PDB file of N, CA and C in Angstrom:
ATOM      1  N   MET A   1     127.898  94.295 120.421  1.00  0.00           N
ATOM      2  CA  MET A   1     128.786  93.262 119.966  1.00  0.00           C
ATOM      3  C   MET A   1     128.176  92.603 118.739  1.00  0.00           C
ATOM      4  N   GLU A   2     128.932  92.448 117.698  1.00  0.00           N
ATOM      5  CA  GLU A   2     128.452  91.873 116.452  1.00  0.00           C
ATOM      6  C   GLU A   2     128.467  90.352 116.529  1.00  0.00           C
ATOM      7  N   SER A   3     127.655  89.705 115.695  1.00  0.00           N
ATOM      8  CA  SER A   3     127.583  88.252 115.703  1.00  0.00           C
ATOM      9  C   SER A   3     128.909  87.638 115.302  1.00  0.00           C
ATOM     10  N   GLY A   4     129.700  88.309 114.469  1.00  0.00           N
ATOM     11  CA  GLY A   4     131.022  87.815 114.095  1.00  0.00           C
ATOM     12  C   GLY A   4     131.934  87.730 115.300  1.00  0.00           C
ATOM     13  N   ASP A   5     131.795  88.676 116.235  1.00  0.00           N
ATOM     14  CA  ASP A   5     132.574  88.642 117.466  1.00  0.00           C
ATOM     15  C   ASP A   5     132.204  87.423 118.296  1.00  0.00           C
ATOM     16  N   ASN A   6     130.934  87.040 118.301  1.00  0.00           N
ATOM     17  CA  ASN A   6     130.506  85.864 119.049  1.00  0.00           C
ATOM     18  C   ASN A   6     131.163  84.608 118.507  1.00  0.00           C
ATOM     19  N   ILE A   7     131.283  84.506 117.203  1.00  0.00           N
ATOM     20  CA  ILE A   7     131.903  83.332 116.597  1.00  0.00           C
ATOM     21  C   ILE A   7     133.369  83.273 116.978  1.00  0.00           C
ATOM     22  N   LEU A   8     134.070  84.410 116.904  1.00  0.00           N
ATOM     23  CA  LEU A   8     135.476  84.433 117.271  1.00  0.00           C
ATOM     24  C   LEU A   8     135.657  84.117 118.745  1.00  0.00           C
ATOM     25  N   ARG A   9     134.790  84.620 119.571  1.00  0.00           N
ATOM     26  CA  ARG A   9     134.884  84.376 120.999  1.00  0.00           C
ATOM     27  C   ARG A   9     134.710  82.888 121.297  1.00  0.00           C
ATOM     28  N   ALA A  10     133.760  82.254 120.663  1.00  0.00           N
ATOM     29  CA  ALA A  10     133.500  80.843 120.919  1.00  0.00           C
ATOM     30  C   ALA A  10     134.635  79.964 120.418  1.00  0.00           C
ATOM     31  N   SER A  11     135.367  80.390 119.384  1.00  0.00           N
ATOM     32  CA  SER A  11     136.414  79.545 118.839  1.00  0.00           C
ATOM     33  C   SER A  11     137.754  79.773 119.515  1.00  0.00           C
ATOM     34  N   SER A  12     137.862  80.759 120.373  1.00  0.00           N
ATOM     35  CA  SER A  12     139.120  81.047 121.040  1.00  0.00           C
ATOM     36  C   SER A  12     139.272  80.170 122.274  1.00  0.00           C
ATOM     37  N   PRO A  13     140.337  79.340 122.336  1.00  0.00           N
ATOM     38  CA  PRO A  13     140.512  78.447 123.488  1.00  0.00           C
ATOM     39  C   PRO A  13     140.964  79.183 124.738  1.00  0.00           C
ATOM     40  N   ARG A  14     141.457  80.408 124.609  1.00  0.00           N
ATOM     41  CA  ARG A  14     141.971  81.135 125.764  1.00  0.00           C
ATOM     42  C   ARG A  14     140.878  81.690 126.657  1.00  0.00           C
ATOM     43  N   LEU A  15     139.692  81.819 126.141  1.00  0.00           N
ATOM     44  CA  LEU A  15     138.604  82.399 126.923  1.00  0.00           C
ATOM     45  C   LEU A  15     137.987  81.360 127.847  1.00  0.00           C
ATOM     46  N   SER A  16     137.578  81.803 129.004  1.00  0.00           N
ATOM     47  CA  SER A  16     136.950  80.875 129.939  1.00  0.00           C
ATOM     48  C   SER A  16     135.543  80.535 129.474  1.00  0.00           C
ATOM     49  N   SER A  17     135.030  79.418 129.943  1.00  0.00           N
ATOM     50  CA  SER A  17     133.699  78.986 129.513  1.00  0.00           C
ATOM     51  C   SER A  17     132.610  79.919 130.028  1.00  0.00           C
ATOM     52  N   SER A  18     132.854  80.613 131.134  1.00  0.00           N
ATOM     53  CA  SER A  18     131.831  81.526 131.644  1.00  0.00           C
ATOM     54  C   SER A  18     131.602  82.686 130.682  1.00  0.00           C
ATOM     55  N   ASN A  19     132.640  83.116 129.979  1.00  0.00           N
ATOM     56  CA  ASN A  19     132.474  84.189 129.000  1.00  0.00           C
ATOM     57  C   ASN A  19     131.648  83.741 127.811  1.00  0.00           C
ATOM     58  N   LEU A  20     131.705  82.456 127.501  1.00  0.00           N
ATOM     59  CA  LEU A  20     130.963  81.951 126.352  1.00  0.00           C
ATOM     60  C   LEU A  20     129.460  82.039 126.572  1.00  0.00           C
ATOM     61  N   TRP A  21     129.012  81.832 127.792  1.00  0.00           N
ATOM     62  CA  TRP A  21     127.578  81.752 128.061  1.00  0.00           C
ATOM     63  C   TRP A  21     127.020  83.028 128.661  1.00  0.00           C
ATOM     64  N   ARG A  22     127.869  83.972 128.984  1.00  0.00           N
ATOM     65  CA  ARG A  22     127.402  85.229 129.557  1.00  0.00           C
ATOM     66  C   ARG A  22     126.707  86.042 128.470  1.00  0.00           C
ATOM     67  N   ASN A  23     125.567  86.604 128.831  1.00  0.00           N
ATOM     68  CA  ASN A  23     124.800  87.355 127.841  1.00  0.00           C
ATOM     69  C   ASN A  23     124.069  88.485 128.539  1.00  0.00           C
ATOM     70  N   ASP A  24     124.145  89.655 127.972  1.00  0.00           N
ATOM     71  CA  ASP A  24     123.385  90.791 128.485  1.00  0.00           C
ATOM     72  C   ASP A  24     121.918  90.609 128.155  1.00  0.00           C
ATOM     73  N   GLY A  25     121.024  90.967 129.037  1.00  0.00           N
ATOM     74  CA  GLY A  25     119.603  90.889 128.739  1.00  0.00           C
ATOM     75  C   GLY A  25     119.208  91.830 127.617  1.00  0.00           C
ATOM     76  N   ARG A  26     119.880  92.986 127.537  1.00  0.00           N
ATOM     77  CA  ARG A  26     119.573  93.951 126.486  1.00  0.00           C
ATOM     78  C   ARG A  26     119.905  93.395 125.106  1.00  0.00           C
ATOM     79  N   GLU A  27     120.971  92.626 125.018  1.00  0.00           N
ATOM     80  CA  GLU A  27     121.418  92.126 123.723  1.00  0.00           C
ATOM     81  C   GLU A  27     120.419  91.159 123.106  1.00  0.00           C
ATOM     82  N   VAL A  28     119.710  90.411 123.920  1.00  0.00           N
ATOM     83  CA  VAL A  28     118.745  89.447 123.408  1.00  0.00           C
ATOM     84  C   VAL A  28     117.671  90.143 122.588  1.00  0.00           C
ATOM     85  N   PHE A  29     117.187  91.277 123.074  1.00  0.00           N
ATOM     86  CA  PHE A  29     116.100  91.970 122.404  1.00  0.00           C
ATOM     87  C   PHE A  29     116.586  92.917 121.309  1.00  0.00           C
ATOM     88  N   SER A  30     117.850  93.299 121.341  1.00  0.00           N
ATOM     89  CA  SER A  30     118.340  94.263 120.361  1.00  0.00           C
ATOM     90  C   SER A  30     118.710  93.625 119.032  1.00  0.00           C
ATOM     91  N   HIS A  31     118.878  92.309 118.984  1.00  0.00           N
ATOM     92  CA  HIS A  31     119.274  91.660 117.735  1.00  0.00           C
ATOM     93  C   HIS A  31     118.255  91.870 116.635  1.00  0.00           C
ATOM     94  N   SER A  32     116.970  91.707 116.928  1.00  0.00           N
ATOM     95  CA  SER A  32     115.969  91.815 115.867  1.00  0.00           C
ATOM     96  C   SER A  32     115.900  93.235 115.321  1.00  0.00           C
ATOM     97  N   SER A  33     115.945  94.238 116.186  1.00  0.00           N
ATOM     98  CA  SER A  33     115.889  95.613 115.683  1.00  0.00           C
ATOM     99  C   SER A  33     117.170  95.970 114.946  1.00  0.00           C
ATOM    100  N   ARG A  34     118.303  95.458 115.416  1.00  0.00           N
ATOM    101  CA  ARG A  34     119.566  95.720 114.738  1.00  0.00           C
ATOM    102  C   ARG A  34     119.572  95.055 113.369  1.00  0.00           C
ATOM    103  N   ASP A  35     119.040  93.838 113.289  1.00  0.00           N
ATOM    104  CA  ASP A  35     118.956  93.141 112.007  1.00  0.00           C
ATOM    105  C   ASP A  35     118.060  93.891 111.039  1.00  0.00           C
ATOM    106  N   GLU A  36     116.937  94.416 111.532  1.00  0.00           N
ATOM    107  CA  GLU A  36     116.031  95.189 110.680  1.00  0.00           C
ATOM    108  C   GLU A  36     116.708  96.464 110.202  1.00  0.00           C
ATOM    109  N   ASP A  37     117.461  97.123 111.097  1.00  0.00           N
ATOM    110  CA  ASP A  37     118.185  98.328 110.706  1.00  0.00           C
ATOM    111  C   ASP A  37     119.247  98.005 109.665  1.00  0.00           C
ATOM    112  N   ASP A  38     119.934  96.877 109.849  1.00  0.00           N
ATOM    113  CA  ASP A  38     120.945  96.459 108.886  1.00  0.00           C
ATOM    114  C   ASP A  38     120.320  96.172 107.531  1.00  0.00           C
ATOM    115  N   GLU A  39     119.159  95.523 107.544  1.00  0.00           N
ATOM    116  CA  GLU A  39     118.473  95.207 106.293  1.00  0.00           C
ATOM    117  C   GLU A  39     118.072  96.488 105.566  1.00  0.00           C
ATOM    118  N   GLU A  40     117.550  97.448 106.308  1.00  0.00           N
ATOM    119  CA  GLU A  40     117.150  98.714 105.695  1.00  0.00           C
ATOM    120  C   GLU A  40     118.375  99.465 105.176  1.00  0.00           C
ATOM    121  N   ALA A  41     119.479  99.437 105.927  1.00  0.00           N
ATOM    122  CA  ALA A  41     120.707 100.100 105.479  1.00  0.00           C
ATOM    123  C   ALA A  41     121.229  99.469 104.192  1.00  0.00           C
ATOM    124  N   LEU A  42     121.130  98.150 104.091  1.00  0.00           N
ATOM    125  CA  LEU A  42     121.554  97.474 102.863  1.00  0.00           C
ATOM    126  C   LEU A  42     120.685  97.877 101.677  1.00  0.00           C
ATOM    127  N   LYS A  43     119.383  98.012 101.916  1.00  0.00           N
ATOM    128  CA  LYS A  43     118.489  98.436 100.836  1.00  0.00           C
ATOM    129  C   LYS A  43     118.836  99.848 100.377  1.00  0.00           C
ATOM    130  N   TRP A  44     119.104 100.749 101.335  1.00  0.00           N
ATOM    131  CA  TRP A  44     119.468 102.115 100.966  1.00  0.00           C
ATOM    132  C   TRP A  44     120.792 102.125 100.208  1.00  0.00           C
ATOM    133  N   ALA A  45     121.745 101.305 100.641  1.00  0.00           N
ATOM    134  CA  ALA A  45     123.036 101.242  99.953  1.00  0.00           C
ATOM    135  C   ALA A  45     122.862 100.758  98.519  1.00  0.00           C
ATOM    136  N   ALA A  46     121.981  99.778  98.321  1.00  0.00           N
ATOM    137  CA  ALA A  46     121.721  99.282  96.967  1.00  0.00           C
ATOM    138  C   ALA A  46     121.084 100.370  96.108  1.00  0.00           C
ATOM    139  N   LEU A  47     120.175 101.144  96.687  1.00  0.00           N
ATOM    140  CA  LEU A  47     119.547 102.244  95.943  1.00  0.00           C
ATOM    141  C   LEU A  47     120.563 103.328  95.579  1.00  0.00           C
ATOM    142  N   GLU A  48     121.505 103.593  96.485  1.00  0.00           N
ATOM    143  CA  GLU A  48     122.500 104.628  96.231  1.00  0.00           C
ATOM    144  C   GLU A  48     123.432 104.259  95.085  1.00  0.00           C
ATOM    145  N   LYS A  49     123.585 102.975  94.809  1.00  0.00           N
ATOM    146  CA  LYS A  49     124.462 102.529  93.723  1.00  0.00           C
ATOM    147  C   LYS A  49     123.795 102.617  92.354  1.00  0.00           C
ATOM    148  N   LEU A  50     122.497 102.844  92.333  1.00  0.00           N
ATOM    149  CA  LEU A  50     121.787 102.954  91.058  1.00  0.00           C
ATOM    150  C   LEU A  50     122.167 104.250  90.347  1.00  0.00           C
ATOM    151  N   PRO A  51     122.011 104.285  89.030  1.00  0.00           N
ATOM    152  CA  PRO A  51     122.237 105.550  88.312  1.00  0.00           C
ATOM    153  C   PRO A  51     121.293 106.638  88.844  1.00  0.00           C
ATOM    154  N   THR A  52     121.711 107.877  88.748  1.00  0.00           N
ATOM    155  CA  THR A  52     120.975 109.000  89.334  1.00  0.00           C
ATOM    156  C   THR A  52     119.523 109.057  88.884  1.00  0.00           C
ATOM    157  N   PHE A  53     119.280 108.902  87.597  1.00  0.00           N
ATOM    158  CA  PHE A  53     117.921 109.004  87.082  1.00  0.00           C
ATOM    159  C   PHE A  53     117.011 107.938  87.698  1.00  0.00           C
ATOM    160  N   VAL A  54     117.516 106.725  87.824  1.00  0.00           N
ATOM    161  CA  VAL A  54     116.730 105.631  88.410  1.00  0.00           C
ATOM    162  C   VAL A  54     116.577 105.845  89.913  1.00  0.00           C
ATOM    163  N   ARG A  55     117.653 106.327  90.557  1.00  0.00           N
ATOM    164  CA  ARG A  55     117.639 106.532  92.010  1.00  0.00           C
ATOM    165  C   ARG A  55     116.596 107.568  92.410  1.00  0.00           C
ATOM    166  N   ILE A  56     116.377 108.567  91.577  1.00  0.00           N
ATOM    167  CA  ILE A  56     115.394 109.611  91.880  1.00  0.00           C
ATOM    168  C   ILE A  56     113.982 109.033  91.913  1.00  0.00           C
ATOM    169  N   GLN A  57     113.741 108.006  91.139  1.00  0.00           N
ATOM    170  CA  GLN A  57     112.403 107.439  91.005  1.00  0.00           C
ATOM    171  C   GLN A  57     112.097 106.353  92.030  1.00  0.00           C
ATOM    172  N   ARG A  58     113.043 105.986  92.848  1.00  0.00           N
ATOM    173  CA  ARG A  58     112.830 104.903  93.809  1.00  0.00           C
ATOM    174  C   ARG A  58     113.059 105.396  95.225  1.00  0.00           C
ATOM    175  N   GLY A  59     112.451 104.686  96.150  1.00  0.00           N
ATOM    176  CA  GLY A  59     112.625 105.009  97.554  1.00  0.00           C
ATOM    177  C   GLY A  59     112.241 103.826  98.410  1.00  0.00           C
ATOM    178  N   ILE A  60     112.439 103.972  99.705  1.00  0.00           N
ATOM    179  CA  ILE A  60     112.048 102.933 100.657  1.00  0.00           C
ATOM    180  C   ILE A  60     110.964 103.524 101.535  1.00  0.00           C
ATOM    181  N   LEU A  61     109.839 102.853 101.562  1.00  0.00           N
ATOM    182  CA  LEU A  61     108.686 103.306 102.324  1.00  0.00           C
ATOM    183  C   LEU A  61     108.443 102.322 103.457  1.00  0.00           C
ATOM    184  N   THR A  62     108.376 102.828 104.676  1.00  0.00           N
ATOM    185  CA  THR A  62     108.086 101.982 105.826  1.00  0.00           C
ATOM    186  C   THR A  62     106.580 101.896 105.977  1.00  0.00           C
ATOM    187  N   GLU A  63     106.069 100.683 105.932  1.00  0.00           N
ATOM    188  CA  GLU A  63     104.634 100.475 106.044  1.00  0.00           C
ATOM    189  C   GLU A  63     104.201 100.607 107.495  1.00  0.00           C
ATOM    190  N   GLU A  64     102.895 100.555 107.732  1.00  0.00           N
ATOM    191  CA  GLU A  64     102.358 100.718 109.086  1.00  0.00           C
ATOM    192  C   GLU A  64     102.864  99.634 110.027  1.00  0.00           C
ATOM    193  N   GLY A  65     103.108  98.441 109.521  1.00  0.00           N
ATOM    194  CA  GLY A  65     103.618  97.354 110.339  1.00  0.00           C
ATOM    195  C   GLY A  65     105.093  97.496 110.664  1.00  0.00           C
ATOM    196  N   GLY A  66     105.756  98.513 110.106  1.00  0.00           N
ATOM    197  CA  GLY A  66     107.167  98.730 110.356  1.00  0.00           C
ATOM    198  C   GLY A  66     108.069  98.032 109.358  1.00  0.00           C
ATOM    199  N   LYS A  67     107.486  97.359 108.393  1.00  0.00           N
ATOM    200  CA  LYS A  67     108.255  96.623 107.387  1.00  0.00           C
ATOM    201  C   LYS A  67     108.610  97.558 106.233  1.00  0.00           C
ATOM    202  N   PRO A  68     109.913  97.812 105.989  1.00  0.00           N
ATOM    203  CA  PRO A  68     110.288  98.671 104.865  1.00  0.00           C
ATOM    204  C   PRO A  68     110.192  97.926 103.537  1.00  0.00           C
ATOM    205  N   ARG A  69     109.761  98.644 102.501  1.00  0.00           N
ATOM    206  CA  ARG A  69     109.716  98.044 101.165  1.00  0.00           C
ATOM    207  C   ARG A  69     110.166  99.077 100.150  1.00  0.00           C
ATOM    208  N   GLU A  70     110.795  98.584  99.083  1.00  0.00           N
ATOM    209  CA  GLU A  70     111.253  99.459  98.011  1.00  0.00           C
ATOM    210  C   GLU A  70     110.071  99.791  97.112  1.00  0.00           C
ATOM    211  N   ILE A  71     109.958 101.064  96.752  1.00  0.00           N
ATOM    212  CA  ILE A  71     108.855 101.480  95.886  1.00  0.00           C
ATOM    213  C   ILE A  71     109.401 102.250  94.687  1.00  0.00           C
ATOM    214  N   ASP A  72     108.664 102.193  93.596  1.00  0.00           N
ATOM    215  CA  ASP A  72     108.950 102.992  92.410  1.00  0.00           C
ATOM    216  C   ASP A  72     107.935 104.129  92.416  1.00  0.00           C
ATOM    217  N   ILE A  73     108.402 105.345  92.582  1.00  0.00           N
ATOM    218  CA  ILE A  73     107.529 106.508  92.730  1.00  0.00           C
ATOM    219  C   ILE A  73     106.608 106.675  91.524  1.00  0.00           C
ATOM    220  N   LYS A  74     107.129 106.395  90.338  1.00  0.00           N
ATOM    221  CA  LYS A  74     106.331 106.589  89.125  1.00  0.00           C
ATOM    222  C   LYS A  74     105.183 105.592  89.023  1.00  0.00           C
ATOM    223  N   LYS A  75     105.301 104.459  89.699  1.00  0.00           N
ATOM    224  CA  LYS A  75     104.277 103.418  89.590  1.00  0.00           C
ATOM    225  C   LYS A  75     103.278 103.426  90.746  1.00  0.00           C
ATOM    226  N   LEU A  76     103.340 104.438  91.602  1.00  0.00           N
ATOM    227  CA  LEU A  76     102.385 104.529  92.701  1.00  0.00           C
ATOM    228  C   LEU A  76     101.011 104.906  92.161  1.00  0.00           C
ATOM    229  N   GLY A  77      99.985 104.307  92.742  1.00  0.00           N
ATOM    230  CA  GLY A  77      98.623 104.658  92.371  1.00  0.00           C
ATOM    231  C   GLY A  77      98.215 105.979  92.998  1.00  0.00           C
ATOM    232  N   VAL A  78      97.040 106.443  92.650  1.00  0.00           N
ATOM    233  CA  VAL A  78      96.548 107.733  93.148  1.00  0.00           C
ATOM    234  C   VAL A  78      96.427 107.709  94.671  1.00  0.00           C
ATOM    235  N   ILE A  79      95.849 106.661  95.202  1.00  0.00           N
ATOM    236  CA  ILE A  79      95.651 106.563  96.654  1.00  0.00           C
ATOM    237  C   ILE A  79      96.993 106.466  97.372  1.00  0.00           C
ATOM    238  N   GLU A  80      97.919 105.667  96.823  1.00  0.00           N
ATOM    239  CA  GLU A  80      99.239 105.533  97.442  1.00  0.00           C
ATOM    240  C   GLU A  80      99.991 106.861  97.431  1.00  0.00           C
ATOM    241  N   ARG A  81      99.900 107.609  96.332  1.00  0.00           N
ATOM    242  CA  ARG A  81     100.551 108.922  96.266  1.00  0.00           C
ATOM    243  C   ARG A  81      99.962 109.874  97.296  1.00  0.00           C
ATOM    244  N   LYS A  82      98.632 109.859  97.409  1.00  0.00           N
ATOM    245  CA  LYS A  82      97.960 110.736  98.370  1.00  0.00           C
ATOM    246  C   LYS A  82      98.407 110.393  99.790  1.00  0.00           C
ATOM    247  N   ASN A  83      98.438 109.104 100.121  1.00  0.00           N
ATOM    248  CA  ASN A  83      98.870 108.674 101.453  1.00  0.00           C
ATOM    249  C   ASN A  83     100.317 109.074 101.726  1.00  0.00           C
ATOM    250  N   LEU A  84     101.176 108.909 100.720  1.00  0.00           N
ATOM    251  CA  LEU A  84     102.583 109.273 100.879  1.00  0.00           C
ATOM    252  C   LEU A  84     102.733 110.772 101.123  1.00  0.00           C
ATOM    253  N   LEU A  85     102.051 111.583 100.344  1.00  0.00           N
ATOM    254  CA  LEU A  85     102.129 113.037 100.524  1.00  0.00           C
ATOM    255  C   LEU A  85     101.585 113.472 101.880  1.00  0.00           C
ATOM    256  N   GLU A  86     100.467 112.886 102.304  1.00  0.00           N
ATOM    257  CA  GLU A  86      99.910 113.222 103.619  1.00  0.00           C
ATOM    258  C   GLU A  86     100.891 112.864 104.728  1.00  0.00           C
ATOM    259  N   ARG A  87     101.536 111.728 104.581  1.00  0.00           N
ATOM    260  CA  ARG A  87     102.513 111.293 105.569  1.00  0.00           C
ATOM    261  C   ARG A  87     103.704 112.241 105.629  1.00  0.00           C
ATOM    262  N   LEU A  88     104.199 112.654 104.464  1.00  0.00           N
ATOM    263  CA  LEU A  88     105.336 113.572 104.425  1.00  0.00           C
ATOM    264  C   LEU A  88     104.976 114.931 105.009  1.00  0.00           C
ATOM    265  N   VAL A  89     103.788 115.428 104.711  1.00  0.00           N
ATOM    266  CA  VAL A  89     103.348 116.718 105.250  1.00  0.00           C
ATOM    267  C   VAL A  89     103.176 116.620 106.759  1.00  0.00           C
ATOM    268  N   LYS A  90     102.625 115.509 107.235  1.00  0.00           N
ATOM    269  CA  LYS A  90     102.428 115.324 108.676  1.00  0.00           C
ATOM    270  C   LYS A  90     103.769 115.314 109.401  1.00  0.00           C
ATOM    271  N   ILE A  91     104.755 114.638 108.824  1.00  0.00           N
ATOM    272  CA  ILE A  91     106.084 114.587 109.432  1.00  0.00           C
ATOM    273  C   ILE A  91     106.675 115.990 109.507  1.00  0.00           C
ATOM    274  N   ALA A  92     106.534 116.756 108.437  1.00  0.00           N
ATOM    275  CA  ALA A  92     107.056 118.129 108.421  1.00  0.00           C
ATOM    276  C   ALA A  92     106.356 118.990 109.466  1.00  0.00           C
ATOM    277  N   GLU A  93     105.040 118.839 109.593  1.00  0.00           N
ATOM    278  CA  GLU A  93     104.293 119.612 110.588  1.00  0.00           C
ATOM    279  C   GLU A  93     104.723 119.236 111.998  1.00  0.00           C
ATOM    280  N   ASP A  94     104.896 117.937 112.254  1.00  0.00           N
ATOM    281  CA  ASP A  94     105.326 117.488 113.578  1.00  0.00           C
ATOM    282  C   ASP A  94     106.717 118.023 113.905  1.00  0.00           C
ATOM    283  N   ASP A  95     107.632 117.963 112.934  1.00  0.00           N
ATOM    284  CA  ASP A  95     108.981 118.478 113.150  1.00  0.00           C
ATOM    285  C   ASP A  95     108.958 119.973 113.423  1.00  0.00           C
ATOM    286  N   ASN A  96     108.141 120.687 112.671  1.00  0.00           N
ATOM    287  CA  ASN A  96     108.002 122.128 112.865  1.00  0.00           C
ATOM    288  C   ASN A  96     107.484 122.435 114.260  1.00  0.00           C
ATOM    289  N   GLU A  97     106.459 121.701 114.669  1.00  0.00           N
ATOM    290  CA  GLU A  97     105.867 121.918 115.988  1.00  0.00           C
ATOM    291  C   GLU A  97     106.887 121.646 117.095  1.00  0.00           C
ATOM    292  N   LYS A  98     107.629 120.561 116.977  1.00  0.00           N
ATOM    293  CA  LYS A  98     108.656 120.243 117.977  1.00  0.00           C
ATOM    294  C   LYS A  98     109.710 121.343 118.035  1.00  0.00           C
ATOM    295  N   PHE A  99     110.138 121.801 116.866  1.00  0.00           N
ATOM    296  CA  PHE A  99     111.142 122.863 116.812  1.00  0.00           C
ATOM    297  C   PHE A  99     110.638 124.124 117.504  1.00  0.00           C
ATOM    298  N   LEU A 100     109.410 124.527 117.192  1.00  0.00           N
ATOM    299  CA  LEU A 100     108.868 125.748 117.781  1.00  0.00           C
ATOM    300  C   LEU A 100     108.681 125.617 119.288  1.00  0.00           C
ATOM    301  N   LEU A 101     108.267 124.445 119.759  1.00  0.00           N
ATOM    302  CA  LEU A 101     108.127 124.240 121.206  1.00  0.00           C
ATOM    303  C   LEU A 101     109.480 124.316 121.907  1.00  0.00           C
ATOM    304  N   LYS A 102     110.511 123.725 121.305  1.00  0.00           N
ATOM    305  CA  LYS A 102     111.850 123.795 121.894  1.00  0.00           C
ATOM    306  C   LYS A 102     112.361 125.227 121.909  1.00  0.00           C
ATOM    307  N   LEU A 103     112.095 125.960 120.835  1.00  0.00           N
ATOM    308  CA  LEU A 103     112.515 127.356 120.758  1.00  0.00           C
ATOM    309  C   LEU A 103     111.809 128.185 121.827  1.00  0.00           C
ATOM    310  N   LYS A 104     110.518 127.940 122.019  1.00  0.00           N
ATOM    311  CA  LYS A 104     109.749 128.672 123.035  1.00  0.00           C
ATOM    312  C   LYS A 104     110.301 128.382 124.427  1.00  0.00           C
ATOM    313  N   LYS A 105     110.592 127.115 124.712  1.00  0.00           N
ATOM    314  CA  LYS A 105     111.148 126.754 126.023  1.00  0.00           C
ATOM    315  C   LYS A 105     112.489 127.444 126.249  1.00  0.00           C
ATOM    316  N   ARG A 106     113.299 127.495 125.208  1.00  0.00           N
ATOM    317  CA  ARG A 106     114.609 128.129 125.329  1.00  0.00           C
ATOM    318  C   ARG A 106     114.467 129.629 125.588  1.00  0.00           C
ATOM    319  N   ILE A 107     113.537 130.268 124.911  1.00  0.00           N
ATOM    320  CA  ILE A 107     113.315 131.710 125.098  1.00  0.00           C
ATOM    321  C   ILE A 107     112.758 131.985 126.490  1.00  0.00           C
ATOM    322  N   ASP A 108     111.874 131.113 126.978  1.00  0.00           N
ATOM    323  CA  ASP A 108     111.266 131.296 128.298  1.00  0.00           C
ATOM    324  C   ASP A 108     112.281 131.146 129.420  1.00  0.00           C
ATOM    325  N   ARG A 109     113.354 130.436 129.183  1.00  0.00           N
ATOM    326  CA  ARG A 109     114.370 130.272 130.233  1.00  0.00           C
ATOM    327  C   ARG A 109     115.056 131.549 130.410  1.00  0.00           C
TER     328      ARG A 109
END
């Protein structure tokens, strides 16, 4: 349920007061992750609107703390480039390994 729905629900006189205060336990904890996902989606949307040449040079990098930040690929230092490449290679290796394990399990069945 979106926060806009909560506002409409609270302003509607036809709804009972019990509906106003009812809350799922899951929803309390999902707001922060949903907000972070929305923020990252907005950043990606802004990058997609850039001209192609500029868009190729920029990206969003998620730091170790989980905080996404916009980066300019051309302005990365040597150490940052090395870390980025190692991270990308590691992700590819992990994906490959998962794929091969799933394929092996399927063949063994």
